Amino acid sequence: MGSWAALPTGKVVRLESAGPLPAALDSLPREAPAILTCTAPDAPSPKALVAAILDELDATVLGLFPAWLPEAEGIDGPGGAGPAAVRTLALRTAATTAHFGPFLAELAERALRARPAPFPAPFMSLSPGPGCSSEVAPSRFPPEVRAAGLTRALAAARRRAGASLLIEVPDGLSARGQEILVAAGEWLAHRAGLSVWLAGPLPAVDRLETVRAPDHHGRPSPLGRSARPQVPGRPQVPGRPPATGRPHPASAAERALESALSGCGWAAGRAWNQTIRPSALASPVRVDLVWQEDRCVVEVDGPEHRGPDAFADDRARDVRLQIAGYAVLRFTDAQVLTDPQAVVRHIELFLRNRRVSQDRVS
């Protein structure tokens, strides 16, 4: 198989690869579909697995807003006429595209309401309170409509002709689990037009076509941290990935922030470069800094996060973490290196307020 765009579409296939599979859009050619990756749990039924996959797809698409509705750029929050405006824009878009208008309108309003209010400059912040998952209202549409509508929105957000679900099959998945996985994939392919690629052992299922994955370069992930490209002024350390529990050795900003936090008693419980799995299906997310007990994540962003694709990936990733109950605070390298104490004060204020709120809830 010479190209990702040449893989079978609209059906379920078993994907065979000699190396790690790609999990990001920016590593694939433009003619390839938009890809969402997840892992396969041992679900009790195809219906339950479809529901879980649709929830993951829903969270991803909410996070990519307004990439799939570009005219809504600049509508920052659900206040005032925002919800009515995005619904109107969605219906207008659906009138000239394959989108189903009522579903796209609801999706746009839900995405807008999931957005936090803009935080005063210079800090970027996504900071839901405790129990934020309840603030993202579920869709009122049936699974068939959701599946097709979310697939179209994912493809539109990435300016692709279609979308694919790349599911990593874990070793040891039971025979029944394999049958459930394939049946759920067949439902999604038939109802939503998704290309479903199953990567991993499926010895209990013999009805699938097996195709060879094309060659590719790199393994960034839309649900995790994209691989950082070489950026002028930001030294790279070959062969030295982020060390769990410590700042990244190549990041002066992470080291500066840790130095500023090290004398603060309220900052106890922090952990650098940890892996979080927001849900049973989602691929693991590597975060810069986390207070796990407070469910607060801090990201330190270099210049590689400024591009539109990187921003969209970060946004989808943050929403997934928010839905799982995490707050996400983002600072740039420049903010940390220029005024680390201001960043520390912001984190302290946020954590103290969050702890008070959690105490009240408990």
Protein backbone atom coordinates (compact mmCIF):
# COMPACT_ATOMS: atom_id res chain seq x y z
CA MET A 1 0.00 0.00 0.00
CA GLY A 2 1.65 3.23 -1.15
CA SER A 3 -0.48 5.94 0.46
CA TRP A 4 -2.69 6.50 3.48
CA ALA A 5 -5.25 7.93 1.07
CA ALA A 6 -5.35 4.60 -0.76
CA LEU A 7 -6.44 2.58 2.28
CA PRO A 8 -9.99 1.16 2.08
CA THR A 9 -12.64 3.66 3.13
CA GLY A 10 -16.11 3.24 4.55
CA LYS A 11 -15.36 -0.24 5.89
CA VAL A 12 -13.54 -2.11 8.65
CA VAL A 13 -10.08 -3.49 7.92
CA ARG A 14 -7.26 -4.90 9.98
CA LEU A 15 -4.18 -2.74 9.64
CA GLU A 16 -0.80 -4.42 9.67
CA SER A 17 2.32 -2.35 10.26
CA ALA A 18 5.98 -3.10 10.76
CA GLY A 19 6.41 -0.08 13.04
CA PRO A 20 4.45 2.40 15.16
CA LEU A 21 1.31 3.76 13.55
CA PRO A 22 0.75 7.48 12.97
CA ALA A 23 -1.79 9.16 15.18
CA ALA A 24 -1.77 12.71 13.87
CA LEU A 25 -2.99 14.58 10.87
CA ASP A 26 0.04 16.75 10.26
CA SER A 27 2.19 13.68 9.52
CA LEU A 28 -0.09 12.53 6.70
CA PRO A 29 -0.70 13.85 3.17
CA ARG A 30 -3.64 16.16 2.54
CA GLU A 31 -5.51 13.49 0.58
CA ALA A 32 -5.55 11.20 3.62
CA PRO A 33 -8.62 11.21 5.89
CA ALA A 34 -8.83 12.93 9.24
CA ILE A 35 -7.82 10.42 11.89
CA LEU A 36 -9.05 9.89 15.43
CA THR A 37 -7.15 7.34 17.51
CA CYS A 38 -8.33 5.39 20.51
CA THR A 39 -7.76 2.11 22.29
CA ALA A 40 -10.17 -0.82 22.39
CA PRO A 41 -11.59 -1.81 25.78
CA ASP A 42 -13.27 -5.14 26.49
CA ALA A 43 -16.77 -3.66 26.12
CA PRO A 44 -19.91 -5.59 27.17
CA SER A 45 -21.71 -5.10 23.83
CA PRO A 46 -21.35 -3.44 20.42
CA LYS A 47 -23.95 -0.86 21.48
CA ALA A 48 -21.93 0.09 24.57
CA LEU A 49 -18.72 0.34 22.57
CA VAL A 50 -20.37 2.50 19.88
CA ALA A 51 -21.69 4.82 22.61
CA ALA A 52 -18.22 5.15 24.13
CA ILE A 53 -16.60 5.82 20.75
CA LEU A 54 -19.22 8.45 19.91
CA ASP A 55 -18.53 10.18 23.22
CA GLU A 56 -14.80 10.31 22.37
CA LEU A 57 -15.55 11.60 18.89
CA ASP A 58 -17.96 14.15 20.37
CA ALA A 59 -15.32 15.46 22.80
CA THR A 60 -12.77 15.76 20.00
CA VAL A 61 -15.13 17.63 17.68
CA LEU A 62 -16.25 20.00 20.46
CA GLY A 63 -12.61 20.78 21.09
CA LEU A 64 -11.95 21.52 17.41
CA PHE A 65 -14.63 24.23 17.28
CA PRO A 66 -14.72 26.53 15.36
CA ALA A 67 -12.48 24.79 12.78
CA TRP A 68 -15.53 23.02 11.36
CA LEU A 69 -17.53 26.27 11.42
CA PRO A 70 -14.94 28.92 10.46
CA GLU A 71 -17.47 31.76 10.29
CA ALA A 72 -17.93 31.39 14.07
CA GLU A 73 -14.34 32.51 14.70
CA GLY A 74 -14.47 35.44 17.10
CA ILE A 75 -17.60 34.31 18.95
CA ASP A 76 -15.84 33.60 22.22
CA GLY A 77 -18.48 32.46 24.66
CA PRO A 78 -22.14 31.62 25.24
CA GLY A 79 -23.12 35.04 26.51
CA GLY A 80 -25.56 37.34 24.74
CA ALA A 81 -26.47 36.43 21.17
CA GLY A 82 -23.64 33.91 20.79
CA PRO A 83 -25.73 30.70 20.80
CA ALA A 84 -28.28 32.07 18.34
CA ALA A 85 -25.49 33.37 16.11
CA VAL A 86 -23.65 30.04 15.88
CA ARG A 87 -26.89 28.17 15.24
CA THR A 88 -27.66 30.51 12.36
CA LEU A 89 -24.17 30.09 10.95
CA ALA A 90 -24.44 26.31 11.25
CA LEU A 91 -27.76 26.20 9.41
CA ARG A 92 -26.36 28.45 6.71
CA THR A 93 -23.32 26.17 6.32
CA ALA A 94 -25.47 23.03 6.19
CA ALA A 95 -27.59 24.51 3.40
CA THR A 96 -24.63 24.33 1.01
CA THR A 97 -22.82 21.23 2.35
CA ALA A 98 -23.53 17.62 3.30
CA HIS A 99 -24.04 18.53 6.98
CA PHE A 100 -27.43 17.92 8.59
CA GLY A 101 -28.53 21.38 9.66
CA PRO A 102 -30.34 20.68 12.96
CA PHE A 103 -27.50 18.49 14.22
CA LEU A 104 -24.79 20.96 13.20
CA ALA A 105 -26.69 23.79 14.85
CA GLU A 106 -26.97 21.86 18.11
CA LEU A 107 -23.31 20.85 17.90
CA ALA A 108 -22.24 24.47 17.39
CA GLU A 109 -24.23 25.67 20.39
CA ARG A 110 -22.89 22.85 22.57
CA ALA A 111 -19.33 23.64 21.47
CA LEU A 112 -19.82 27.31 22.28
CA ARG A 113 -21.25 26.54 25.71
CA ALA A 114 -18.32 24.20 26.42
CA ARG A 115 -15.91 27.08 25.90
CA PRO A 116 -14.67 28.85 29.01
CA ALA A 117 -14.87 32.61 29.22
CA PRO A 118 -11.68 34.25 27.91
CA PHE A 119 -9.13 34.86 30.68
CA PRO A 120 -7.59 38.32 30.91
CA ALA A 121 -4.31 38.77 29.03
CA PRO A 122 -1.54 37.79 29.07
CA PHE A 123 -2.55 34.34 30.35
CA MET A 124 -4.43 31.74 28.36
CA SER A 125 -6.58 29.59 30.58
CA LEU A 126 -9.06 26.78 30.25
CA SER A 127 -10.28 26.38 33.79
CA PRO A 128 -13.55 24.60 34.55
CA GLY A 129 -14.71 24.19 38.10
CA PRO A 130 -15.31 20.87 39.85
CA GLY A 131 -17.72 18.59 38.05
CA CYS A 132 -17.23 20.34 34.73
CA SER A 133 -18.25 17.29 32.74
CA SER A 134 -21.88 17.97 33.63
CA GLU A 135 -21.60 21.39 32.00
CA VAL A 136 -21.24 19.85 28.51
CA ALA A 137 -24.85 18.97 27.69
CA PRO A 138 -25.36 15.68 25.83
CA SER A 139 -26.73 15.64 22.31
CA ARG A 140 -30.45 15.02 21.89
CA PHE A 141 -29.93 13.20 18.58
CA PRO A 142 -29.90 9.39 18.17
CA PRO A 143 -26.61 7.51 17.62
CA GLU A 144 -27.11 7.21 13.86
CA VAL A 145 -27.38 10.98 13.42
CA ARG A 146 -24.55 11.68 15.85
CA ALA A 147 -22.22 9.23 14.13
CA ALA A 148 -22.73 10.71 10.67
CA GLY A 149 -22.73 14.31 11.86
CA LEU A 150 -19.61 14.01 14.00
CA THR A 151 -17.75 12.25 11.20
CA ARG A 152 -18.55 15.09 8.79
CA ALA A 153 -17.53 17.70 11.36
CA LEU A 154 -14.20 15.99 12.07
CA ALA A 155 -13.42 15.82 8.36
CA ALA A 156 -14.44 19.46 7.88
CA ALA A 157 -12.31 20.63 10.81
CA ARG A 158 -9.24 19.10 9.18
CA ARG A 159 -10.25 20.07 5.65
CA ARG A 160 -10.28 16.42 4.60
CA ALA A 161 -12.63 14.46 2.35
CA GLY A 162 -13.37 11.86 5.01
CA ALA A 163 -12.53 10.57 8.47
CA SER A 164 -11.02 7.42 9.88
CA LEU A 165 -11.05 5.78 13.29
CA LEU A 166 -7.72 4.12 14.12
CA ILE A 167 -8.30 1.70 16.99
CA GLU A 168 -5.34 0.10 18.74
CA VAL A 169 -6.27 -3.46 19.72
CA PRO A 170 -4.52 -4.46 22.96
CA ASP A 171 -2.89 -7.83 23.38
CA GLY A 172 -5.11 -10.22 25.27
CA LEU A 173 -8.48 -8.82 24.16
CA SER A 174 -10.95 -11.67 24.63
CA ALA A 175 -12.51 -13.46 21.66
CA ARG A 176 -15.88 -11.97 22.58
CA GLY A 177 -14.25 -8.56 22.91
CA GLN A 178 -12.79 -8.91 19.42
CA GLU A 179 -16.20 -9.78 17.96
CA ILE A 180 -17.79 -6.83 19.77
CA LEU A 181 -15.07 -4.50 18.49
CA VAL A 182 -15.51 -5.58 14.88
CA ALA A 183 -19.32 -5.41 15.11
CA ALA A 184 -19.12 -1.88 16.54
CA GLY A 185 -16.70 -0.90 13.77
CA GLU A 186 -19.03 -2.29 11.12
CA TRP A 187 -21.92 -0.29 12.56
CA LEU A 188 -19.87 2.92 12.48
CA ALA A 189 -18.62 2.26 8.94
CA HIS A 190 -22.16 1.58 7.69
CA ARG A 191 -23.97 4.33 9.57
CA ALA A 192 -21.36 7.08 9.54
CA GLY A 193 -19.16 6.31 6.55
CA LEU A 194 -16.17 6.10 8.88
CA SER A 195 -13.12 4.17 7.76
CA VAL A 196 -12.34 1.89 10.69
CA TRP A 197 -8.75 0.62 10.90
CA LEU A 198 -8.05 -1.97 13.59
CA ALA A 199 -4.39 -2.20 14.50
CA GLY A 200 -3.44 -5.24 16.52
CA PRO A 201 -4.12 -8.96 16.93
CA LEU A 202 -7.61 -10.25 16.06
CA PRO A 203 -7.21 -14.02 15.91
CA ALA A 204 -10.87 -14.69 16.76
CA VAL A 205 -12.19 -12.75 13.74
CA ASP A 206 -11.44 -14.05 10.25
CA ARG A 207 -13.80 -12.00 8.09
CA LEU A 208 -11.69 -8.84 7.86
CA GLU A 209 -9.48 -7.76 5.01
CA THR A 210 -5.89 -7.19 6.15
CA VAL A 211 -4.03 -4.28 4.58
CA ARG A 212 -0.48 -3.07 4.97
CA ALA A 213 0.04 0.36 6.53
CA PRO A 214 2.05 2.75 4.33
CA ASP A 215 5.42 4.06 5.38
CA HIS A 216 5.31 7.30 7.39
CA HIS A 217 7.45 9.56 9.49
CA GLY A 218 7.00 10.29 13.18
CA ARG A 219 4.23 9.63 15.65
CA PRO A 220 2.59 12.77 16.94
CA SER A 221 -0.87 12.32 18.50
CA PRO A 222 -4.02 14.47 18.32
CA LEU A 223 -5.09 13.17 21.70
CA GLY A 224 -1.70 13.62 23.29
CA ARG A 225 1.35 15.79 22.78
CA SER A 226 2.42 16.29 19.19
CA ALA A 227 6.06 15.67 18.48
CA ARG A 228 7.89 18.96 18.78
CA PRO A 229 9.63 20.06 15.60
CA GLN A 230 12.95 21.83 15.58
CA VAL A 231 12.29 25.45 16.49
CA PRO A 232 14.92 28.18 16.19
CA GLY A 233 16.03 29.30 19.64
CA ARG A 234 14.69 26.18 21.36
CA PRO A 235 17.47 23.59 21.71
CA GLN A 236 16.56 19.97 21.07
CA VAL A 237 18.13 17.13 23.04
CA PRO A 238 18.31 13.99 20.85
CA GLY A 239 17.45 10.82 22.66
CA ARG A 240 16.31 12.60 25.82
CA PRO A 241 12.51 12.53 26.13
CA PRO A 242 10.74 14.24 29.01
CA ALA A 243 11.67 12.45 32.22
CA THR A 244 8.66 11.47 34.29
CA GLY A 245 8.69 13.50 37.48
CA ARG A 246 11.12 16.19 36.28
CA PRO A 247 11.03 19.18 33.90
CA HIS A 248 11.99 18.45 30.31
CA PRO A 249 15.79 18.70 30.04
CA ALA A 250 15.47 20.74 26.82
CA SER A 251 12.99 23.26 28.23
CA ALA A 252 14.50 26.27 29.98
CA ALA A 253 10.95 27.45 30.74
CA GLU A 254 9.99 24.24 32.53
CA ARG A 255 13.19 24.35 34.58
CA ALA A 256 12.58 28.03 35.45
CA LEU A 257 9.02 27.32 36.53
CA GLU A 258 10.10 24.41 38.74
CA SER A 259 12.75 26.61 40.33
CA ALA A 260 10.11 29.26 41.10
CA LEU A 261 7.71 26.67 42.52
CA SER A 262 10.26 24.78 44.59
CA GLY A 263 10.04 27.12 47.60
CA CYS A 264 6.22 27.31 47.67
CA GLY A 265 4.48 25.15 50.25
CA TRP A 266 1.12 25.37 48.46
CA ALA A 267 2.74 23.83 45.34
CA ALA A 268 3.33 20.45 47.02
CA GLY A 269 1.85 17.51 45.15
CA ARG A 270 2.92 18.68 41.70
CA ALA A 271 4.37 16.20 39.21
CA TRP A 272 6.16 16.93 35.94
CA ASN A 273 5.69 15.13 32.62
CA GLN A 274 2.99 12.70 33.61
CA THR A 275 0.73 10.59 31.42
CA ILE A 276 -3.02 10.92 31.90
CA ARG A 277 -5.74 8.82 30.26
CA PRO A 278 -8.87 11.01 30.22
CA SER A 279 -11.15 8.04 29.53
CA ALA A 280 -11.04 4.31 28.91
CA LEU A 281 -10.97 4.85 25.14
CA ALA A 282 -8.78 7.91 24.80
CA SER A 283 -5.13 7.63 23.93
CA PRO A 284 -2.89 8.67 26.84
CA VAL A 285 -2.12 12.39 27.14
CA ARG A 286 1.32 13.56 28.23
CA VAL A 287 1.08 16.76 30.27
CA ASP A 288 3.84 19.13 31.34
CA LEU A 289 2.79 19.62 34.97
CA VAL A 290 -0.11 18.30 37.01
CA TRP A 291 -1.54 18.53 40.51
CA GLN A 292 -3.38 15.22 40.37
CA GLU A 293 -5.30 15.63 43.62
CA ASP A 294 -6.58 19.02 42.43
CA ARG A 295 -7.00 17.77 38.85
CA CYS A 296 -5.15 20.80 37.56
CA VAL A 297 -2.83 20.68 34.53
CA VAL A 298 -0.31 23.36 33.58
CA GLU A 299 1.13 23.46 30.05
CA VAL A 300 4.20 25.46 29.03
CA ASP A 301 3.95 26.18 25.31
CA GLY A 302 6.84 26.91 22.99
CA PRO A 303 6.64 28.53 19.53
CA GLU A 304 5.61 25.22 17.95
CA HIS A 305 2.16 25.62 19.53
CA ARG A 306 1.35 28.81 17.58
CA GLY A 307 0.34 27.26 14.24
CA PRO A 308 -3.37 26.75 13.47
CA ASP A 309 -3.15 22.94 13.43
CA ALA A 310 -1.22 22.85 16.70
CA PHE A 311 -3.71 25.26 18.29
CA ALA A 312 -6.62 23.07 17.16
CA ASP A 313 -4.94 19.94 18.52
CA ASP A 314 -4.25 21.66 21.84
CA ARG A 315 -7.84 22.85 22.05
CA ALA A 316 -9.26 19.35 21.39
CA ARG A 317 -6.86 17.88 23.93
CA ASP A 318 -7.79 20.46 26.57
CA VAL A 319 -11.52 19.89 26.12
CA ARG A 320 -11.00 16.15 26.52
CA LEU A 321 -9.17 16.81 29.78
CA GLN A 322 -11.86 19.28 30.88
CA ILE A 323 -14.62 16.75 30.28
CA ALA A 324 -12.61 14.32 32.44
CA GLY A 325 -12.67 16.95 35.21
CA TYR A 326 -9.26 18.57 34.79
CA ALA A 327 -8.57 22.29 34.64
CA VAL A 328 -5.93 23.32 32.09
CA LEU A 329 -3.80 26.45 32.43
CA ARG A 330 -1.53 27.42 29.54
CA PHE A 331 1.47 29.76 29.58
CA THR A 332 3.99 30.53 26.88
CA ASP A 333 7.72 29.98 27.23
CA ALA A 334 8.15 33.75 27.03
CA GLN A 335 5.74 34.37 29.93
CA VAL A 336 7.56 31.91 32.17
CA LEU A 337 11.05 33.09 31.26
CA THR A 338 10.19 36.80 31.41
CA ASP A 339 8.19 36.87 34.65
CA PRO A 340 8.08 33.47 36.39
CA GLN A 341 6.74 34.98 39.61
CA ALA A 342 3.67 36.33 37.81
CA VAL A 343 3.00 32.85 36.44
CA VAL A 344 3.46 31.33 39.91
CA ARG A 345 1.05 33.86 41.44
CA HIS A 346 -1.55 33.01 38.80
CA ILE A 347 -1.21 29.28 39.46
CA GLU A 348 -1.36 29.82 43.22
CA LEU A 349 -4.51 31.93 43.00
CA PHE A 350 -6.19 29.41 40.74
CA LEU A 351 -5.26 26.41 42.91
CA ARG A 352 -6.33 28.10 46.15
CA ASN A 353 -9.71 29.03 44.64
CA ARG A 354 -10.13 25.54 43.20
CA ARG A 355 -9.34 23.92 46.56
CA VAL A 356 -11.90 26.11 48.31
CA SER A 357 -14.51 25.19 45.68
CA GLN A 358 -13.73 21.48 46.01
CA ASP A 359 -14.00 21.68 49.80
CA ARG A 360 -17.44 23.25 49.45
CA VAL A 361 -18.58 20.55 47.02
CA SER A 362 -17.34 17.78 49.32
